[in-house]
Structure formats: structure tokens, C-alpha cells
N, C-alpha and C. Protein backbone atom coordinates (compact mmCIF):
# COMPACT_ATOMS: atom_id res chain seq x y z
N MET A 1 2.69 -20.00 2.69
CA MET A 1 3.27 -19.60 1.43
C MET A 1 4.78 -19.43 1.90
N GLU A 2 5.50 -19.78 1.03
CA GLU A 2 7.06 -19.29 1.26
C GLU A 2 7.43 -18.09 0.29
N LEU A 3 8.48 -17.56 0.91
CA LEU A 3 8.99 -16.43 -0.09
C LEU A 3 10.56 -16.47 -0.17
N PRO A 4 10.94 -16.35 -1.51
CA PRO A 4 12.39 -16.36 -1.73
C PRO A 4 13.10 -15.40 -0.86
N GLU A 5 14.48 -15.35 -0.76
CA GLU A 5 15.23 -14.32 0.07
C GLU A 5 15.01 -13.01 -0.71
N GLU A 6 14.97 -13.07 -2.27
CA GLU A 6 14.83 -11.78 -2.98
C GLU A 6 13.43 -11.55 -3.44
N GLY A 7 12.97 -10.59 -2.77
CA GLY A 7 11.54 -10.39 -3.27
C GLY A 7 11.62 -8.69 -3.57
N VAL A 8 10.34 -8.18 -3.47
CA VAL A 8 10.07 -6.63 -4.03
C VAL A 8 9.27 -6.10 -2.91
N LEU A 9 9.43 -4.78 -2.65
CA LEU A 9 8.65 -3.91 -1.82
C LEU A 9 8.13 -2.94 -2.73
N LEU A 10 6.69 -2.93 -2.80
CA LEU A 10 5.89 -1.99 -3.49
C LEU A 10 5.42 -1.00 -2.50
N ARG A 11 5.58 0.16 -2.75
CA ARG A 11 4.98 1.39 -1.83
C ARG A 11 3.90 2.08 -2.77
N ILE A 12 2.72 2.23 -2.41
CA ILE A 12 1.61 3.05 -3.05
C ILE A 12 1.37 4.27 -2.17
N PHE A 13 1.62 5.50 -2.52
CA PHE A 13 1.56 6.79 -1.80
C PHE A 13 0.17 7.41 -2.47
N ILE A 14 -0.89 7.49 -1.55
CA ILE A 14 -2.17 8.09 -2.01
C ILE A 14 -2.68 8.96 -0.86
N GLY A 15 -3.72 9.54 -1.07
CA GLY A 15 -4.48 10.40 0.12
C GLY A 15 -5.56 9.70 0.72
N GLU A 16 -5.76 9.74 1.93
CA GLU A 16 -6.67 8.94 2.63
C GLU A 16 -8.05 9.27 2.04
N SER A 17 -8.32 10.21 1.53
CA SER A 17 -9.83 10.50 1.08
C SER A 17 -10.02 10.04 -0.37
N ASP A 18 -8.82 9.38 -1.02
CA ASP A 18 -9.06 8.64 -2.31
C ASP A 18 -10.07 7.88 -2.13
N LYS A 19 -10.80 7.64 -3.24
CA LYS A 19 -11.99 6.46 -3.37
C LYS A 19 -11.78 5.53 -4.58
N TYR A 20 -12.31 4.50 -4.35
CA TYR A 20 -12.67 3.64 -5.61
C TYR A 20 -13.84 2.86 -5.34
N GLU A 21 -14.64 2.82 -6.32
CA GLU A 21 -15.95 1.98 -6.01
C GLU A 21 -16.66 2.43 -4.81
N GLY A 22 -16.67 3.60 -4.34
CA GLY A 22 -17.24 4.04 -3.25
C GLY A 22 -16.74 3.60 -1.74
N ARG A 23 -15.50 3.16 -1.82
CA ARG A 23 -14.80 2.88 -0.40
C ARG A 23 -13.40 3.55 -0.57
N PRO A 24 -12.79 3.61 0.50
CA PRO A 24 -11.39 4.20 0.57
C PRO A 24 -10.50 3.31 -0.38
N LEU A 25 -9.60 4.08 -1.12
CA LEU A 25 -8.79 3.38 -2.13
C LEU A 25 -7.69 2.52 -1.51
N TYR A 26 -7.21 2.92 -0.30
CA TYR A 26 -6.21 1.99 0.42
C TYR A 26 -6.93 0.80 0.93
N GLU A 27 -8.24 0.80 1.29
CA GLU A 27 -8.82 -0.30 1.75
C GLU A 27 -9.07 -1.29 0.43
N TRP A 28 -9.58 -0.63 -0.53
CA TRP A 28 -9.63 -1.56 -1.91
C TRP A 28 -8.35 -2.28 -2.22
N LEU A 29 -7.40 -1.48 -2.18
CA LEU A 29 -6.12 -1.96 -2.65
C LEU A 29 -5.66 -3.03 -1.72
N THR A 30 -5.74 -2.98 -0.46
CA THR A 30 -5.22 -4.10 0.49
C THR A 30 -6.20 -5.30 0.23
N ARG A 31 -7.51 -5.11 0.18
CA ARG A 31 -8.16 -6.29 -0.02
C ARG A 31 -7.91 -6.79 -1.37
N LYS A 32 -7.79 -6.08 -2.49
CA LYS A 32 -7.31 -6.80 -3.73
C LYS A 32 -6.02 -7.44 -3.58
N ALA A 33 -5.05 -7.00 -2.95
CA ALA A 33 -3.85 -7.55 -2.66
C ALA A 33 -4.07 -9.06 -1.87
N ARG A 34 -4.99 -9.02 -1.08
CA ARG A 34 -5.11 -10.38 -0.37
C ARG A 34 -5.90 -11.07 -1.34
N GLU A 35 -6.91 -10.66 -2.16
CA GLU A 35 -7.56 -11.58 -3.08
C GLU A 35 -6.61 -12.20 -4.15
N ASP A 36 -5.57 -11.30 -4.27
CA ASP A 36 -4.59 -11.82 -5.51
C ASP A 36 -3.66 -12.62 -4.84
N GLY A 37 -3.62 -12.90 -3.42
CA GLY A 37 -2.81 -13.74 -2.77
C GLY A 37 -1.26 -13.30 -2.46
N LEU A 38 -1.16 -12.06 -2.38
CA LEU A 38 0.04 -11.47 -2.17
C LEU A 38 0.44 -11.68 -0.68
N ALA A 39 1.75 -11.83 -0.42
CA ALA A 39 2.25 -12.18 0.96
C ALA A 39 1.77 -11.25 2.04
N GLY A 40 1.82 -10.08 1.95
CA GLY A 40 1.40 -9.34 2.97
C GLY A 40 1.16 -7.64 2.52
N ALA A 41 0.48 -6.98 3.34
CA ALA A 41 0.24 -5.62 3.08
C ALA A 41 0.10 -4.72 4.48
N THR A 42 0.60 -3.48 4.43
CA THR A 42 0.39 -2.68 5.55
C THR A 42 0.07 -1.31 5.14
N VAL A 43 -1.00 -0.79 5.92
CA VAL A 43 -1.46 0.56 5.56
C VAL A 43 -0.90 1.62 6.60
N ILE A 44 0.07 2.52 6.17
CA ILE A 44 0.54 3.38 7.18
C ILE A 44 -0.13 4.81 6.94
N ARG A 45 -0.67 5.57 7.94
CA ARG A 45 -1.24 6.82 7.78
C ARG A 45 -0.08 7.90 8.20
N GLY A 46 0.09 8.83 7.22
CA GLY A 46 1.25 9.81 7.68
C GLY A 46 0.60 11.14 8.49
N LEU A 47 1.52 11.71 9.06
CA LEU A 47 1.25 12.86 9.82
C LEU A 47 1.21 14.14 8.82
N MET A 48 2.18 14.02 7.86
CA MET A 48 2.20 15.27 7.07
C MET A 48 2.89 14.75 5.74
N GLY A 49 2.64 15.30 4.49
CA GLY A 49 3.33 15.14 3.38
C GLY A 49 2.79 16.05 2.28
N TYR A 50 3.31 15.81 0.95
CA TYR A 50 2.85 16.40 -0.33
C TYR A 50 3.41 15.59 -1.38
N GLY A 51 2.76 15.84 -2.62
CA GLY A 51 2.96 14.98 -3.61
C GLY A 51 3.41 15.91 -4.92
N ALA A 52 2.90 15.25 -6.01
CA ALA A 52 3.16 16.01 -7.28
C ALA A 52 2.27 17.36 -7.41
N ASN A 53 1.25 17.36 -6.69
CA ASN A 53 0.50 18.64 -6.80
C ASN A 53 1.08 19.67 -6.02
N SER A 54 2.10 19.39 -4.99
CA SER A 54 2.52 20.42 -4.05
C SER A 54 1.58 20.85 -3.04
N ARG A 55 0.42 20.13 -2.79
CA ARG A 55 -0.48 20.44 -1.74
C ARG A 55 -0.17 19.83 -0.57
N ILE A 56 -0.03 20.55 0.63
CA ILE A 56 0.55 19.85 2.04
C ILE A 56 -0.75 19.17 2.58
N ARG A 57 -0.59 18.06 3.03
CA ARG A 57 -1.50 17.35 3.76
C ARG A 57 -1.06 17.28 5.15
N GLU A 58 -1.68 17.66 6.17
CA GLU A 58 -1.24 17.61 7.66
C GLU A 58 -2.15 17.36 8.51
N THR A 59 -2.03 16.97 9.66
CA THR A 59 -3.01 16.92 10.88
C THR A 59 -2.74 18.12 11.61
N LYS A 60 -3.83 19.04 11.97
CA LYS A 60 -3.72 20.05 12.91
C LYS A 60 -4.23 19.70 14.18
N ILE A 61 -3.65 20.16 15.27
CA ILE A 61 -4.09 19.77 16.69
C ILE A 61 -5.61 19.84 17.05
N LEU A 62 -6.08 20.91 16.43
CA LEU A 62 -7.50 21.23 16.76
C LEU A 62 -8.58 20.58 15.81
N ARG A 63 -8.18 19.88 14.91
CA ARG A 63 -9.07 19.12 13.89
C ARG A 63 -8.29 18.12 13.28
N LEU A 64 -9.01 16.94 13.06
CA LEU A 64 -8.36 15.78 12.36
C LEU A 64 -8.54 15.97 10.85
N SER A 65 -7.47 16.03 10.22
CA SER A 65 -7.54 16.12 8.76
C SER A 65 -8.34 14.77 8.08
N LEU A 66 -9.05 15.03 7.01
CA LEU A 66 -9.66 14.01 6.40
C LEU A 66 -9.05 13.49 5.19
N ASP A 67 -7.93 14.01 4.82
CA ASP A 67 -7.11 13.76 3.70
C ASP A 67 -5.52 13.60 4.06
N GLN A 68 -5.23 12.62 5.00
CA GLN A 68 -3.92 12.43 5.37
C GLN A 68 -3.08 11.60 4.26
N PRO A 69 -1.81 11.79 4.31
CA PRO A 69 -1.03 10.96 3.23
C PRO A 69 -1.28 9.47 3.65
N VAL A 70 -1.22 8.53 2.77
CA VAL A 70 -1.35 7.01 3.23
C VAL A 70 -0.21 6.27 2.33
N ILE A 71 0.23 5.28 2.82
CA ILE A 71 1.28 4.39 2.14
C ILE A 71 0.74 2.98 2.18
N ILE A 72 0.61 2.39 1.30
CA ILE A 72 0.48 0.93 1.41
C ILE A 72 1.58 0.21 0.85
N GLU A 73 2.03 -0.67 1.74
CA GLU A 73 3.34 -1.33 1.56
C GLU A 73 2.94 -2.72 1.34
N LEU A 74 3.52 -3.32 0.30
CA LEU A 74 3.20 -4.72 -0.03
C LEU A 74 4.56 -5.42 -0.50
N VAL A 75 4.73 -6.63 0.15
CA VAL A 75 5.92 -7.56 -0.29
C VAL A 75 5.65 -8.61 -0.82
N ASP A 76 6.25 -9.24 -1.84
CA ASP A 76 6.12 -10.49 -2.43
C ASP A 76 7.21 -10.74 -3.41
N LYS A 77 7.05 -11.71 -4.20
CA LYS A 77 7.96 -12.05 -5.53
C LYS A 77 7.82 -11.09 -6.39
N PRO A 78 8.78 -10.83 -7.22
CA PRO A 78 8.63 -9.83 -8.38
C PRO A 78 7.40 -10.15 -9.21
N ASP A 79 7.44 -11.42 -9.90
CA ASP A 79 6.29 -11.66 -10.76
C ASP A 79 4.99 -11.43 -10.25
N ARG A 80 4.73 -11.64 -8.86
CA ARG A 80 3.49 -11.45 -8.38
C ARG A 80 3.25 -9.94 -8.09
N ILE A 81 4.15 -9.13 -7.73
CA ILE A 81 3.93 -7.69 -7.71
C ILE A 81 3.67 -7.21 -9.08
N GLU A 82 4.33 -7.58 -9.98
CA GLU A 82 4.10 -7.12 -11.35
C GLU A 82 2.67 -7.47 -11.83
N LYS A 83 2.19 -8.65 -11.52
CA LYS A 83 0.74 -8.97 -11.89
C LYS A 83 -0.15 -8.04 -11.05
N PHE A 84 0.07 -7.96 -9.79
CA PHE A 84 -0.86 -6.95 -9.14
C PHE A 84 -0.90 -5.43 -9.63
N LEU A 85 0.18 -5.05 -9.91
CA LEU A 85 0.41 -3.81 -10.50
C LEU A 85 -0.48 -3.60 -11.83
N SER A 86 -0.31 -4.80 -12.62
CA SER A 86 -1.23 -4.65 -14.06
C SER A 86 -2.72 -4.68 -13.65
N SER A 87 -2.98 -5.48 -12.46
CA SER A 87 -4.66 -5.55 -12.16
C SER A 87 -5.05 -4.30 -11.64
N ILE A 88 -4.12 -3.35 -11.05
CA ILE A 88 -4.67 -2.12 -10.49
C ILE A 88 -4.51 -0.86 -11.38
N SER A 89 -3.90 -1.17 -12.54
CA SER A 89 -3.64 -0.07 -13.52
C SER A 89 -5.05 0.81 -13.83
N GLY A 90 -5.01 2.04 -13.68
CA GLY A 90 -6.02 2.80 -13.81
C GLY A 90 -6.84 3.21 -12.58
N VAL A 91 -6.47 2.33 -11.42
CA VAL A 91 -7.23 2.65 -10.27
C VAL A 91 -6.67 3.75 -9.44
N VAL A 92 -5.36 3.80 -9.32
CA VAL A 92 -4.51 4.68 -8.71
C VAL A 92 -4.32 5.84 -9.84
N ARG A 93 -5.15 6.84 -9.66
CA ARG A 93 -5.20 8.18 -10.48
C ARG A 93 -4.43 9.28 -10.27
N GLU A 94 -3.76 9.24 -8.96
CA GLU A 94 -3.10 10.29 -8.35
C GLU A 94 -2.27 9.79 -7.32
N GLY A 95 -1.04 10.04 -7.39
CA GLY A 95 -0.22 9.50 -6.17
C GLY A 95 1.12 9.19 -6.68
N LEU A 96 1.77 8.24 -6.12
CA LEU A 96 3.16 7.79 -6.51
C LEU A 96 3.25 6.30 -6.10
N ILE A 97 3.90 5.32 -7.02
CA ILE A 97 4.01 4.02 -6.96
C ILE A 97 5.53 3.76 -6.87
N THR A 98 6.28 3.13 -6.00
CA THR A 98 7.54 2.86 -6.22
C THR A 98 7.91 1.43 -5.88
N MET A 99 8.84 0.88 -6.19
CA MET A 99 9.26 -0.46 -6.19
C MET A 99 10.72 -0.62 -5.81
N GLU A 100 11.00 -1.48 -4.92
CA GLU A 100 12.48 -1.73 -4.65
C GLU A 100 12.80 -3.12 -4.27
N LYS A 101 13.91 -3.62 -4.43
CA LYS A 101 14.38 -5.00 -4.10
C LYS A 101 14.32 -5.02 -2.44
N ALA A 102 13.90 -6.15 -2.06
CA ALA A 102 13.81 -6.37 -0.60
C ALA A 102 14.46 -7.81 -0.32
N THR A 103 15.14 -7.91 0.81
CA THR A 103 15.78 -9.07 1.15
C THR A 103 14.91 -9.59 2.21
N ILE A 104 14.19 -10.70 2.01
CA ILE A 104 13.32 -11.14 2.82
C ILE A 104 14.03 -12.25 3.79
N ARG A 105 14.03 -11.83 5.12
CA ARG A 105 14.91 -12.54 6.07
C ARG A 105 13.86 -13.47 6.86
N PHE A 106 12.59 -13.13 7.07
CA PHE A 106 11.73 -14.03 7.78
C PHE A 106 10.30 -13.75 7.39
N TYR A 107 9.72 -14.85 7.06
CA TYR A 107 8.19 -14.71 6.86
C TYR A 107 7.52 -15.92 7.29
N LYS A 108 6.97 -15.93 8.56
CA LYS A 108 6.14 -17.20 9.06
C LYS A 108 4.93 -16.73 9.53
N PRO A 109 3.91 -17.50 9.47
CA PRO A 109 2.60 -17.31 10.00
C PRO A 109 2.64 -17.56 11.38
N GLY A 110 1.78 -16.92 12.34
CA GLY A 110 1.72 -17.37 13.75
C GLY A 110 0.75 -18.50 13.96
N LYS A 111 0.79 -18.91 15.00
CA LYS A 111 -0.19 -20.15 15.24
C LYS A 111 -1.58 -19.74 15.09
N PRO A 112 -2.70 -20.46 14.45
CA PRO A 112 -4.06 -20.02 14.60
C PRO A 112 -4.45 -19.95 15.87
N GLY A 113 -5.15 -18.71 16.07
CA GLY A 113 -5.73 -18.54 17.37
C GLY A 113 -4.82 -18.04 18.39
N GLY A 114 -3.53 -17.76 18.16
CA GLY A 114 -2.46 -17.49 19.18
C GLY A 114 -1.89 -16.21 18.79
């Protein structure tokens, strides 16, 4: 797949414990993006954060939080990102979704098996 220089970066901010169809929402969204043929996705787990409900989510030294903030970053062409957004409407029930222009400088697959 080739990407034009002008792309879009989509960020979806949710909680690690958010679920959809019985599995983690971040996992479902990442797999859905792959099924839809988007160029790439990365899931990032945050150390601390809060959102619209002002509830702090953080990791404590003596225990591992079960609801850390999670960010899913996806990059692709604007029309493909818009199509993905419409296909997930209603799935993300709480959180934040942002989009911004992205200048794509390099996008190449590695060699198979290497």
C-alpha cells in the first residue's frame, strides 16, 4: 500500500477496561482497523490521565491498575479514516477522538520474515 504525503492521524482515547463484544475495546478497534485495510495502528498504554468525567486513572506502585488510559493511533488517507470513523460510530461510548493532518515521510513494509 502506498500513502500520499498528506495523511490523517486519528487518535482514540479510551480506558483499558472498556469492552466491546466481550473483549477489550482497544483490541476490537485495532483489529477492525486492520480488517478495514487501514495503513497502521498503534495502541499506547498511559501511566496517568483523566477525561471528560475528571476521574484520574493511574498506576500505583503497589498494584497494577486495571483501567489505565489507552490511546489508539491510526494513520491513513483522509477518506479511509472517515470511512473507519463511520464504521465505529456508536462503539466508542466514552472517551475522546481527535484527528489532525499528518505529513507522511516514510511508509514501507519490512522484508517478509526479516
